[in-house]
């Protein structure tokens, strides 16, 4: 699992490291680590701002000069930090080509451009010469390397008004959460982290890797049966949401993810239409009124009997009966309840103590708007620091929260796991249903650590989506394409070398 740090944790950790290692030495280590991490294309340009991030750039330029490589430094400011000035002066002593960047500067002739304009503390919109520099970097056609973070990108949220679009971002000391969240994927092709001796002061977030969940998908024993791998209930559907294929995707996702038995509960009137699509699942028709499941404690208990996990809410509607269904499940169920879609919208109107006092383990799976309704925060407030918003909510409600986005956040309030698998092609109807099916399956047969089970489900869902997009393309991809790729992803994860399905992030 890779280490991910918030900006504040990185700041405190850097300060703590400086009590042992001089700040100038840390700067040198950072620049040297970037210089050594790959064979760069020459000539190279290093674009520097006025802070410590610029100092890393001056170290890189000095090392290139020592190696006899052609390199030019372009400065956006004549100001420097104390450590930065030290290495700038060394560059001058070595006769590095140093120029001030202006509107006439042209970067298109360089093989590699290093972005050292802003560090992790930047907020807002780049203006003036910094904006000009970023625009010129992005238009250069060079191999673009962002040092520590892409200039203009928010280090916590991954949001930006304008930022450097990198081929490679070399993070220093730990991947920053803003390199993974929100818009980051649209601006970063690849991330590599370098260690310079900075230990986290506060517990870091974890970026999930294939090896972290390989044991979930190890080959199974011959001396086992379907009950060994869990009974799973999926409760959803309504007259307004009668897509048989989408409900079948939900069931298929659970089965393909390894659950022993799937019990699909839908309103009585939908059962006949859905049944032909779910040959391997058990149909459980539920009492209904006008196409929507009604509250009937005996039917709910019968549906859930013997199950280890239940996903509830997918297309189920938002009537008053659904509130009673949820209340009953949360009060009496002893397994893991995964609540999604309409279930979340109904839950947002209920007292939070129904989650805190639940008899079952509770997993909530909102996207941004659903989480806004649940938490009472605006979308803008959530996006500004999604990790904190998610962790605070999970801590208060005593649940596991899976916040959907370009990167998935999974947290119980104490631990935070990030999953950077997934793709643009998954932004299609039914993708949430597929994830709910996967979640119910894995939470059903891996009951020792709900947080890790949820993270594992998010990982294989994203990895299968990526495999589907690679085969089909992001425009034509549909949710069932993700289901179709689950067997391949799970098989590879269970092999002796799980790194085969590792993320694009490298050590």
Protein backbone atom coordinates (compact mmCIF):
# COMPACT_ATOMS: atom_id res chain seq x y z
CA UNK A 1 0.00 0.00 0.00
CA UNK A 2 1.40 3.37 -0.95
CA UNK A 3 1.54 6.35 1.40
CA UNK A 4 -0.65 9.35 0.62
CA UNK A 5 -0.38 12.58 2.60
CA UNK A 6 -2.57 15.60 3.02
CA UNK A 7 -0.84 18.94 2.53
CA UNK A 8 -0.91 19.62 6.28
CA UNK A 9 0.52 16.21 7.12
CA UNK A 10 3.27 16.78 4.55
CA UNK A 11 4.03 20.21 6.00
CA UNK A 12 4.28 18.85 9.55
CA UNK A 13 6.30 15.84 8.41
CA UNK A 14 8.72 18.04 6.49
CA UNK A 15 9.17 20.27 9.53
CA UNK A 16 9.81 17.25 11.76
CA UNK A 17 12.37 15.88 9.30
CA UNK A 18 14.24 19.21 9.33
CA UNK A 19 14.95 18.73 13.04
CA UNK A 20 17.22 15.87 11.96
CA UNK A 21 18.12 16.67 8.34
CA UNK A 22 18.94 20.27 7.27
CA UNK A 23 16.34 21.74 4.93
CA UNK A 24 18.97 22.36 2.27
CA UNK A 25 19.96 18.70 2.37
CA UNK A 26 16.32 17.65 1.95
CA UNK A 27 16.05 19.97 -1.05
CA UNK A 28 19.17 18.42 -2.56
CA UNK A 29 17.81 14.91 -1.98
CA UNK A 30 14.55 15.85 -3.68
CA UNK A 31 16.24 17.30 -6.75
CA UNK A 32 18.70 14.42 -7.00
CA UNK A 33 15.96 11.80 -6.67
CA UNK A 34 14.02 13.40 -9.53
CA UNK A 35 17.17 13.70 -11.65
CA UNK A 36 17.98 10.01 -11.15
CA UNK A 37 14.53 8.51 -11.53
CA UNK A 38 14.42 8.29 -15.33
CA UNK A 39 16.45 8.81 -18.52
CA UNK A 40 15.33 12.27 -19.58
CA UNK A 41 15.14 13.62 -23.10
CA UNK A 42 17.54 16.45 -23.87
CA UNK A 43 17.86 19.36 -24.19
CA UNK A 44 15.90 19.99 -20.99
CA UNK A 45 14.19 23.07 -19.62
CA UNK A 46 13.55 23.63 -15.92
CA UNK A 47 10.84 26.22 -15.22
CA UNK A 48 11.16 27.61 -11.69
CA UNK A 49 9.00 29.84 -9.52
CA UNK A 50 10.04 31.57 -6.31
CA UNK A 51 9.66 28.98 -3.53
CA UNK A 52 11.23 25.74 -2.40
CA UNK A 53 9.80 23.89 -5.39
CA UNK A 54 12.02 26.10 -7.52
CA UNK A 55 14.99 25.05 -5.37
CA UNK A 56 14.37 21.41 -6.37
CA UNK A 57 14.55 22.60 -9.97
CA UNK A 58 17.88 24.37 -9.43
CA UNK A 59 19.31 21.16 -7.98
CA UNK A 60 18.11 19.24 -11.06
CA UNK A 61 19.67 21.81 -13.39
CA UNK A 62 22.99 21.74 -11.53
CA UNK A 63 23.15 17.96 -11.70
CA UNK A 64 22.42 18.04 -15.41
CA UNK A 65 25.26 20.48 -15.91
CA UNK A 66 27.58 18.16 -13.97
CA UNK A 67 26.50 15.29 -16.22
CA UNK A 68 27.26 17.29 -19.35
CA UNK A 69 23.60 17.50 -20.34
CA UNK A 70 22.16 20.52 -22.11
CA UNK A 71 19.79 22.33 -19.77
CA UNK A 72 18.21 25.79 -19.48
CA UNK A 73 16.58 27.29 -16.40
CA UNK A 74 13.64 29.62 -16.95
CA UNK A 75 12.69 31.74 -13.93
CA UNK A 76 9.24 33.25 -13.45
CA UNK A 77 10.50 35.42 -10.58
CA UNK A 78 13.78 36.87 -9.36
CA UNK A 79 12.79 35.98 -5.77
CA UNK A 80 13.93 32.75 -4.08
CA UNK A 81 13.65 30.99 -0.76
CA UNK A 82 16.85 30.86 1.27
CA UNK A 83 17.62 27.25 0.30
CA UNK A 84 16.50 27.90 -3.26
CA UNK A 85 18.88 30.83 -3.59
CA UNK A 86 21.76 28.65 -2.40
CA UNK A 87 21.23 26.20 -5.25
CA UNK A 88 20.49 28.98 -7.74
CA UNK A 89 23.87 30.50 -6.89
CA UNK A 90 25.49 27.10 -7.45
CA UNK A 91 23.85 26.96 -10.88
CA UNK A 92 25.31 30.36 -11.67
CA UNK A 93 28.75 29.23 -10.54
CA UNK A 94 28.45 26.24 -12.87
CA UNK A 95 27.41 28.56 -15.72
CA UNK A 96 24.02 26.97 -16.18
CA UNK A 97 22.03 28.84 -18.83
CA UNK A 98 19.55 30.89 -16.74
CA UNK A 99 16.90 33.12 -18.28
CA UNK A 100 13.81 35.02 -17.19
CA UNK A 101 10.66 33.57 -18.71
CA UNK A 102 8.50 36.08 -20.60
CA UNK A 103 5.80 36.19 -23.24
CA UNK A 104 8.39 35.63 -25.97
CA UNK A 105 9.86 32.49 -24.40
CA UNK A 106 9.53 29.36 -26.52
CA UNK A 107 9.68 25.88 -24.94
CA UNK A 108 8.78 23.81 -27.98
CA UNK A 109 12.38 22.90 -28.78
CA UNK A 110 13.04 21.00 -25.54
CA UNK A 111 12.84 17.23 -25.06
CA UNK A 112 11.90 17.45 -21.38
CA UNK A 113 10.35 20.33 -19.44
CA UNK A 114 10.43 20.21 -15.64
CA UNK A 115 7.66 22.06 -13.85
CA UNK A 116 8.98 23.60 -10.61
CA UNK A 117 6.74 26.67 -10.39
CA UNK A 118 4.40 26.02 -7.44
CA UNK A 119 4.52 23.55 -4.56
CA UNK A 120 1.78 21.85 -2.56
CA UNK A 121 0.77 25.05 -0.77
CA UNK A 122 -0.65 26.69 -3.87
CA UNK A 123 -4.35 27.59 -3.91
CA UNK A 124 -6.48 29.45 -6.42
CA UNK A 125 -5.84 30.40 -10.03
CA UNK A 126 -2.37 31.02 -11.49
CA UNK A 127 -2.06 34.58 -12.77
CA UNK A 128 0.48 36.77 -14.54
CA UNK A 129 3.77 35.26 -15.58
CA UNK A 130 3.00 31.99 -13.73
CA UNK A 131 -0.09 31.52 -15.86
CA UNK A 132 1.96 32.27 -18.96
CA UNK A 133 4.57 29.71 -17.89
CA UNK A 134 1.99 26.97 -17.36
CA UNK A 135 0.37 27.64 -20.72
CA UNK A 136 3.76 27.52 -22.44
CA UNK A 137 4.68 24.26 -20.71
CA UNK A 138 1.41 22.64 -21.80
CA UNK A 139 1.92 23.78 -25.40
CA UNK A 140 5.57 22.73 -25.56
CA UNK A 141 5.10 19.24 -26.97
CA UNK A 142 7.92 18.10 -24.67
CA UNK A 143 7.86 15.27 -22.15
CA UNK A 144 6.52 17.19 -19.15
CA UNK A 145 7.64 16.33 -15.61
CA UNK A 146 5.93 17.96 -12.64
CA UNK A 147 8.17 17.97 -9.57
CA UNK A 148 6.24 17.02 -6.40
CA UNK A 149 2.93 18.35 -7.74
CA UNK A 150 1.58 19.84 -10.93
CA UNK A 151 1.72 23.62 -10.62
CA UNK A 152 -1.79 24.99 -10.23
CA UNK A 153 -3.26 21.76 -8.83
CA UNK A 154 -4.68 21.86 -5.30
CA UNK A 155 -2.59 19.50 -3.16
CA UNK A 156 -5.55 18.32 -1.07
CA UNK A 157 -8.52 18.32 -3.42
CA UNK A 158 -7.08 17.72 -6.88
CA UNK A 159 -9.06 20.68 -8.22
CA UNK A 160 -7.62 23.41 -10.41
CA UNK A 161 -8.49 26.41 -12.54
CA UNK A 162 -5.39 25.91 -14.66
CA UNK A 163 -2.51 23.51 -14.06
CA UNK A 164 0.40 21.80 -15.75
CA UNK A 165 -0.56 18.67 -17.69
CA UNK A 166 2.21 16.19 -16.95
CA UNK A 167 3.39 13.02 -18.60
CA UNK A 168 4.98 12.17 -15.28
CA UNK A 169 4.60 13.65 -11.81
CA UNK A 170 7.41 12.80 -9.41
CA UNK A 171 6.05 13.24 -5.90
CA UNK A 172 8.54 13.72 -3.10
CA UNK A 173 8.23 12.08 0.31
CA UNK A 174 4.73 10.78 -0.29
CA UNK A 175 1.96 11.03 -2.86
CA UNK A 176 -0.24 14.03 -2.13
CA UNK A 177 -3.98 13.37 -2.03
CA UNK A 178 -4.52 16.04 -4.69
CA UNK A 179 -2.54 13.90 -7.15
CA UNK A 180 -5.24 11.25 -6.97
CA UNK A 181 -8.58 12.99 -6.33
CA UNK A 182 -11.12 14.83 -8.48
CA UNK A 183 -9.59 16.29 -11.66
CA UNK A 184 -6.07 14.92 -11.11
CA UNK A 185 -6.45 12.03 -13.56
CA UNK A 186 -7.25 14.49 -16.33
CA UNK A 187 -3.91 16.23 -15.82
CA UNK A 188 -1.50 13.43 -14.80
CA UNK A 189 -0.61 10.43 -16.95
CA UNK A 190 1.68 8.73 -14.46
CA UNK A 191 2.92 9.21 -10.91
CA UNK A 192 6.21 8.09 -9.39
CA UNK A 193 7.08 8.70 -5.76
CA UNK A 194 10.60 9.18 -4.38
CA UNK A 195 11.60 8.76 -0.73
CA UNK A 196 14.00 11.36 0.70
CA UNK A 197 13.76 10.40 4.36
CA UNK A 198 10.58 12.20 5.47
CA UNK A 199 8.44 10.07 7.78
CA UNK A 200 4.73 10.95 8.18
CA UNK A 201 3.89 12.63 11.49
CA UNK A 202 0.19 11.74 11.38
CA UNK A 203 -1.18 8.44 10.06
CA UNK A 204 -1.18 8.72 6.26
CA UNK A 205 -3.90 7.67 3.86
CA UNK A 206 -3.30 4.44 1.96
CA UNK A 207 -3.36 4.06 -1.82
CA UNK A 208 -4.50 0.49 -2.46
CA UNK A 209 -2.36 -1.80 -4.59
CA UNK A 210 -3.07 -5.21 -6.09
CA UNK A 211 -0.88 -7.01 -3.55
CA UNK A 212 -2.97 -5.60 -0.69
CA UNK A 213 -6.05 -7.57 -1.74
CA UNK A 214 -4.57 -10.57 -3.56
CA UNK A 215 -5.43 -12.87 -0.62
CA UNK A 216 -9.13 -12.10 -1.12
CA UNK A 217 -9.02 -13.91 -4.44
CA UNK A 218 -6.68 -16.82 -3.68
CA UNK A 219 -7.59 -20.21 -5.24
CA UNK A 220 -10.38 -21.87 -3.33
CA UNK A 221 -10.31 -25.20 -1.57
CA UNK A 222 -11.92 -28.29 -3.07
CA UNK A 223 -13.35 -29.13 0.35
CA UNK A 224 -15.90 -26.31 0.30
CA UNK A 225 -19.40 -25.55 -0.93
CA UNK A 226 -21.50 -22.58 -1.98
CA UNK A 227 -22.31 -21.69 1.60
CA UNK A 228 -18.60 -21.36 2.34
CA UNK A 229 -18.54 -18.22 0.22
CA UNK A 230 -21.62 -16.52 1.56
CA UNK A 231 -25.27 -15.96 0.83
CA UNK A 232 -25.94 -12.48 -0.54
CA UNK A 233 -29.22 -10.58 -0.80
CA UNK A 234 -29.84 -7.81 -3.33
CA UNK A 235 -32.99 -5.78 -2.69
CA UNK A 236 -34.09 -3.26 -5.32
CA UNK A 237 -36.17 -2.47 -8.36
CA UNK A 238 -39.53 -0.79 -8.76
CA UNK A 239 -42.10 -0.04 -11.42
CA UNK A 240 -40.17 3.11 -12.31
CA UNK A 241 -36.91 1.14 -12.39
CA UNK A 242 -37.82 -2.08 -14.12
CA UNK A 243 -34.74 -2.65 -16.24
CA UNK A 244 -34.38 -6.43 -16.06
CA UNK A 245 -30.91 -6.33 -17.59
CA UNK A 246 -29.65 -3.81 -15.04
CA UNK A 247 -30.97 -5.90 -12.18
CA UNK A 248 -29.36 -8.94 -13.78
CA UNK A 249 -26.05 -7.04 -13.97
CA UNK A 250 -26.36 -6.47 -10.25
CA UNK A 251 -26.78 -10.19 -9.62
CA UNK A 252 -24.11 -11.21 -12.14
CA UNK A 253 -21.59 -8.81 -10.59
CA UNK A 254 -22.11 -10.45 -7.21
CA UNK A 255 -21.73 -13.96 -8.61
CA UNK A 256 -18.70 -13.07 -10.71
CA UNK A 257 -17.12 -11.57 -7.60
CA UNK A 258 -17.26 -14.86 -5.79
CA UNK A 259 -20.35 -15.04 -3.62
CA UNK A 260 -21.83 -18.51 -3.20
CA UNK A 261 -25.52 -17.67 -3.62
CA UNK A 262 -27.35 -14.53 -4.76
CA UNK A 263 -30.91 -13.89 -3.66
CA UNK A 264 -32.43 -11.12 -5.81
CA UNK A 265 -35.46 -9.50 -4.18
CA UNK A 266 -37.68 -7.38 -6.44
CA UNK A 267 -41.34 -6.34 -6.42
CA UNK A 268 -43.65 -9.23 -7.29
CA UNK A 269 -44.68 -7.62 -10.59
CA UNK A 270 -41.07 -7.51 -11.85
CA UNK A 271 -40.15 -11.08 -10.98
CA UNK A 272 -41.38 -12.66 -14.20
CA UNK A 273 -39.58 -10.12 -16.39
CA UNK A 274 -36.29 -10.40 -14.51
CA UNK A 275 -36.22 -14.17 -14.02
CA UNK A 276 -34.99 -15.14 -17.53
CA UNK A 277 -31.90 -12.95 -17.05
CA UNK A 278 -30.70 -14.48 -13.78
CA UNK A 279 -30.41 -18.21 -14.34
CA UNK A 280 -27.79 -18.65 -11.61
CA UNK A 281 -29.54 -16.51 -8.99
CA UNK A 282 -32.51 -17.12 -6.70
CA UNK A 283 -35.51 -14.89 -7.28
CA UNK A 284 -37.28 -13.59 -4.19
CA UNK A 285 -40.51 -11.73 -5.09
CA UNK A 286 -41.46 -9.10 -2.51
CA UNK A 287 -44.88 -7.75 -1.52
CA UNK A 288 -45.58 -4.51 -3.37
CA UNK A 289 -47.98 -1.69 -3.96
CA UNK A 290 -48.09 0.10 -7.31
CA UNK A 291 -44.80 -1.44 -8.39
CA UNK A 292 -42.87 -0.56 -5.22
CA UNK A 293 -41.77 -2.85 -2.42
CA UNK A 294 -43.83 -2.30 0.72
CA UNK A 295 -42.75 -2.81 4.30
CA UNK A 296 -43.45 -6.34 5.42
CA UNK A 297 -41.17 -7.45 8.23
CA UNK A 298 -41.75 -11.16 7.68
CA UNK A 299 -40.82 -10.96 3.98
CA UNK A 300 -37.72 -8.90 4.67
CA UNK A 301 -36.57 -11.29 7.38
CA UNK A 302 -37.17 -14.27 5.11
CA UNK A 303 -35.19 -12.62 2.33
CA UNK A 304 -32.26 -11.86 4.62
CA UNK A 305 -32.28 -15.15 6.53
CA UNK A 306 -28.90 -16.85 6.36
CA UNK A 307 -27.25 -14.07 4.35
CA UNK A 308 -23.99 -12.44 5.31
CA UNK A 309 -24.42 -9.25 3.25
CA UNK A 310 -27.26 -7.37 1.63
CA UNK A 311 -27.23 -4.52 -0.87
CA UNK A 312 -30.33 -2.37 -0.62
CA UNK A 313 -31.74 0.56 -2.54
CA UNK A 314 -30.87 0.19 -6.23
CA UNK A 315 -33.90 1.59 -8.05
CA UNK A 316 -36.12 0.72 -5.10
CA UNK A 317 -37.92 4.08 -5.05
CA UNK A 318 -38.28 6.63 -2.28
CA UNK A 319 -41.73 6.08 -0.81
CA UNK A 320 -42.54 5.99 2.89
CA UNK A 321 -42.45 2.20 2.92
CA UNK A 322 -38.80 2.24 1.85
CA UNK A 323 -37.92 4.21 4.96
CA UNK A 324 -39.51 1.49 7.08
CA UNK A 325 -37.70 -1.20 5.10
CA UNK A 326 -34.37 0.50 5.78
CA UNK A 327 -35.18 1.13 9.42
CA UNK A 328 -36.07 -2.53 9.94
CA UNK A 329 -32.92 -3.81 8.22
CA UNK A 330 -30.64 -1.47 10.16
CA UNK A 331 -32.31 -2.37 13.44
CA UNK A 332 -32.49 -6.15 13.07
CA UNK A 333 -30.02 -7.42 10.44
CA UNK A 334 -26.78 -8.99 11.72
CA UNK A 335 -24.77 -9.04 8.49
CA UNK A 336 -23.36 -6.19 6.43
CA UNK A 337 -25.85 -3.79 4.86
CA UNK A 338 -24.72 -1.92 1.75
CA UNK A 339 -27.01 1.02 1.04
CA UNK A 340 -26.94 2.66 -2.38
CA UNK A 341 -28.94 4.87 -4.77
CA UNK A 342 -32.57 5.39 -3.68
CA UNK A 343 -31.71 3.87 -0.33
CA UNK A 344 -29.24 6.70 0.28
CA UNK A 345 -31.76 9.34 -0.72
CA UNK A 346 -34.31 7.93 1.72
CA UNK A 347 -31.65 7.61 4.42
CA UNK A 348 -30.72 11.29 4.02
CA UNK A 349 -34.14 12.23 5.40
CA UNK A 350 -33.81 10.00 8.44
CA UNK A 351 -32.17 10.67 11.81
CA UNK A 352 -28.47 9.86 11.74
CA UNK A 353 -28.74 7.72 14.86
CA UNK A 354 -30.43 4.99 12.80
CA UNK A 355 -26.98 4.40 11.27
CA UNK A 356 -24.98 4.92 14.48
CA UNK A 357 -27.16 2.47 16.41
CA UNK A 358 -27.49 -0.12 13.64
CA UNK A 359 -27.25 -3.79 14.57
CA UNK A 360 -25.38 -4.50 11.34
CA UNK A 361 -22.20 -3.22 9.78
CA UNK A 362 -23.27 -0.35 7.52
CA UNK A 363 -21.66 0.58 4.21
CA UNK A 364 -22.86 3.70 2.39
CA UNK A 365 -21.90 4.23 -1.26
CA UNK A 366 -22.82 7.78 -2.34
CA UNK A 367 -21.70 9.80 -5.30
CA UNK A 368 -21.16 13.53 -4.82
CA UNK A 369 -24.80 14.67 -4.92
CA UNK A 370 -25.98 11.81 -2.73
CA UNK A 371 -23.27 12.57 -0.20
CA UNK A 372 -24.27 16.21 -0.23
CA UNK A 373 -27.80 15.21 0.73
CA UNK A 374 -26.55 12.80 3.40
CA UNK A 375 -24.03 15.13 4.98
CA UNK A 376 -25.72 18.51 4.56
CA UNK A 377 -22.52 19.87 2.96
CA UNK A 378 -22.60 21.58 -0.39
CA UNK A 379 -20.93 19.91 -3.35
CA UNK A 380 -18.32 22.68 -3.31
CA UNK A 381 -17.52 22.05 0.37
CA UNK A 382 -17.10 18.32 -0.28
CA UNK A 383 -14.93 18.80 -3.36
CA UNK A 384 -12.66 21.22 -1.49
CA UNK A 385 -11.53 18.41 0.86
CA UNK A 386 -13.35 15.17 0.05
CA UNK A 387 -11.20 13.00 2.31
CA UNK A 388 -11.97 15.09 5.40
CA UNK A 389 -15.65 15.33 4.54
CA UNK A 390 -15.92 11.57 4.09
CA UNK A 391 -13.88 10.68 7.18
CA UNK A 392 -15.79 13.11 9.41
CA UNK A 393 -19.12 11.67 8.29
CA UNK A 394 -18.01 8.06 8.73
CA UNK A 395 -16.62 8.84 12.19
CA UNK A 396 -19.84 10.51 13.30
CA UNK A 397 -22.15 7.84 11.89
CA UNK A 398 -19.96 4.83 12.82
CA UNK A 399 -20.15 3.41 9.32
CA UNK A 400 -17.93 2.70 6.33
CA UNK A 401 -18.34 5.32 3.63
CA UNK A 402 -17.41 4.75 0.00
CA UNK A 403 -17.40 8.11 -1.76
CA UNK A 404 -17.47 7.63 -5.53
CA UNK A 405 -15.42 9.80 -7.84
CA UNK A 406 -12.48 9.66 -10.27
CA UNK A 407 -10.71 8.15 -7.27
CA UNK A 408 -12.74 6.29 -4.68
CA UNK A 409 -12.46 7.20 -1.00
CA UNK A 410 -13.17 4.43 1.51
CA UNK A 411 -13.11 5.32 5.19
CA UNK A 412 -14.43 4.31 8.58
CA UNK A 413 -13.40 7.64 10.08
CA UNK A 414 -10.13 6.31 11.46
CA UNK A 415 -8.52 4.78 8.39
CA UNK A 416 -8.67 6.24 4.89
CA UNK A 417 -8.03 4.18 1.76
CA UNK A 418 -7.89 5.61 -1.75
CA UNK A 419 -8.50 3.55 -4.87
CA UNK A 420 -7.33 5.11 -8.12
CA UNK A 421 -8.69 2.39 -10.42
CA UNK A 422 -11.53 3.23 -12.79
CA UNK A 423 -12.08 5.13 -16.01
CA UNK A 424 -14.27 7.59 -17.87
CA UNK A 425 -16.17 4.79 -19.61
CA UNK A 426 -17.73 3.81 -16.30
CA UNK A 427 -19.79 7.01 -16.29
CA UNK A 428 -22.79 5.14 -17.65
CA UNK A 429 -26.14 3.84 -16.40
CA UNK A 430 -25.90 0.78 -14.22
CA UNK A 431 -22.29 1.16 -13.11
CA UNK A 432 -23.39 1.83 -9.55
CA UNK A 433 -25.49 -1.34 -9.58
CA UNK A 434 -22.46 -3.36 -10.64
CA UNK A 435 -20.41 -1.94 -7.78
CA UNK A 436 -23.19 -2.74 -5.30
CA UNK A 437 -23.23 -6.35 -6.46
CA UNK A 438 -19.46 -6.63 -6.08
CA UNK A 439 -19.60 -5.03 -2.64
CA UNK A 440 -22.31 -7.40 -1.41
CA UNK A 441 -20.34 -10.41 -2.60
CA UNK A 442 -17.00 -9.51 -1.06
CA UNK A 443 -18.47 -8.19 2.18
CA UNK A 444 -20.33 -11.49 2.40
CA UNK A 445 -17.32 -13.79 2.24
CA UNK A 446 -14.70 -11.49 3.78
CA UNK A 447 -16.15 -10.47 7.12
CA UNK A 448 -12.99 -9.87 9.16
CA UNK A 449 -12.38 -6.29 7.98
CA UNK A 450 -15.27 -4.44 6.38
CA UNK A 451 -13.13 -1.47 5.37
CA UNK A 452 -10.70 -3.67 3.41
CA UNK A 453 -13.54 -5.67 1.88
CA UNK A 454 -15.15 -2.47 0.60
CA UNK A 455 -11.81 -1.22 -0.72
CA UNK A 456 -11.18 -4.54 -2.47
CA UNK A 457 -14.57 -4.32 -4.15
CA UNK A 458 -13.87 -0.79 -5.34
CA UNK A 459 -10.49 -1.90 -6.66
CA UNK A 460 -11.72 -4.83 -8.77
CA UNK A 461 -14.67 -2.78 -10.00
CA UNK A 462 -12.32 -0.05 -11.24
CA UNK A 463 -9.80 -2.51 -12.67
CA UNK A 464 -12.52 -4.37 -14.56
CA UNK A 465 -13.82 -1.06 -15.88
CA UNK A 466 -10.37 -0.14 -17.13
CA UNK A 467 -10.05 -3.51 -18.88
CA UNK A 468 -13.45 -3.00 -20.51
CA UNK A 469 -12.55 0.49 -21.69
CA UNK A 470 -9.28 -0.76 -23.15
CA UNK A 471 -11.23 -3.30 -25.20
CA UNK A 472 -14.30 -1.28 -26.14
CA UNK A 473 -13.49 2.40 -25.68
CA UNK A 474 -14.90 4.95 -23.28
CA UNK A 475 -17.79 6.12 -25.46
CA UNK A 476 -19.39 2.76 -26.31
CA UNK A 477 -18.78 1.06 -22.97
CA UNK A 478 -21.78 -0.07 -20.88
CA UNK A 479 -22.04 -1.43 -17.34
CA UNK A 480 -22.26 -5.09 -18.37
CA UNK A 481 -18.85 -4.72 -20.04
CA UNK A 482 -17.37 -4.18 -16.57
CA UNK A 483 -19.09 -7.33 -15.31
CA UNK A 484 -17.66 -9.28 -18.25
CA UNK A 485 -14.10 -8.30 -17.25
CA UNK A 486 -14.42 -9.23 -13.59
CA UNK A 487 -13.28 -12.85 -14.10
CA UNK A 488 -10.06 -11.75 -15.79
CA UNK A 489 -9.21 -9.19 -13.13
CA UNK A 490 -9.99 -11.55 -10.25
CA UNK A 491 -8.03 -14.41 -11.83
CA UNK A 492 -4.97 -12.19 -12.26
CA UNK A 493 -5.23 -10.92 -8.69
CA UNK A 494 -5.21 -14.48 -7.38
CA UNK A 495 -2.06 -15.42 -9.28
CA UNK A 496 1.36 -15.51 -7.56
CA UNK A 497 2.37 -12.16 -9.10
CA UNK A 498 -0.52 -9.77 -8.31
CA UNK A 499 1.52 -6.79 -9.49
CA UNK A 500 0.23 -7.61 -12.99
CA UNK A 501 -2.87 -5.60 -12.21
CA UNK A 502 -1.10 -2.82 -10.31
CA UNK A 503 -2.08 0.81 -10.78
CA UNK A 504 -0.34 3.41 -12.89
CA UNK A 505 1.38 4.75 -9.77
CA UNK A 506 4.93 3.58 -9.26
CA UNK A 507 7.38 3.61 -6.38
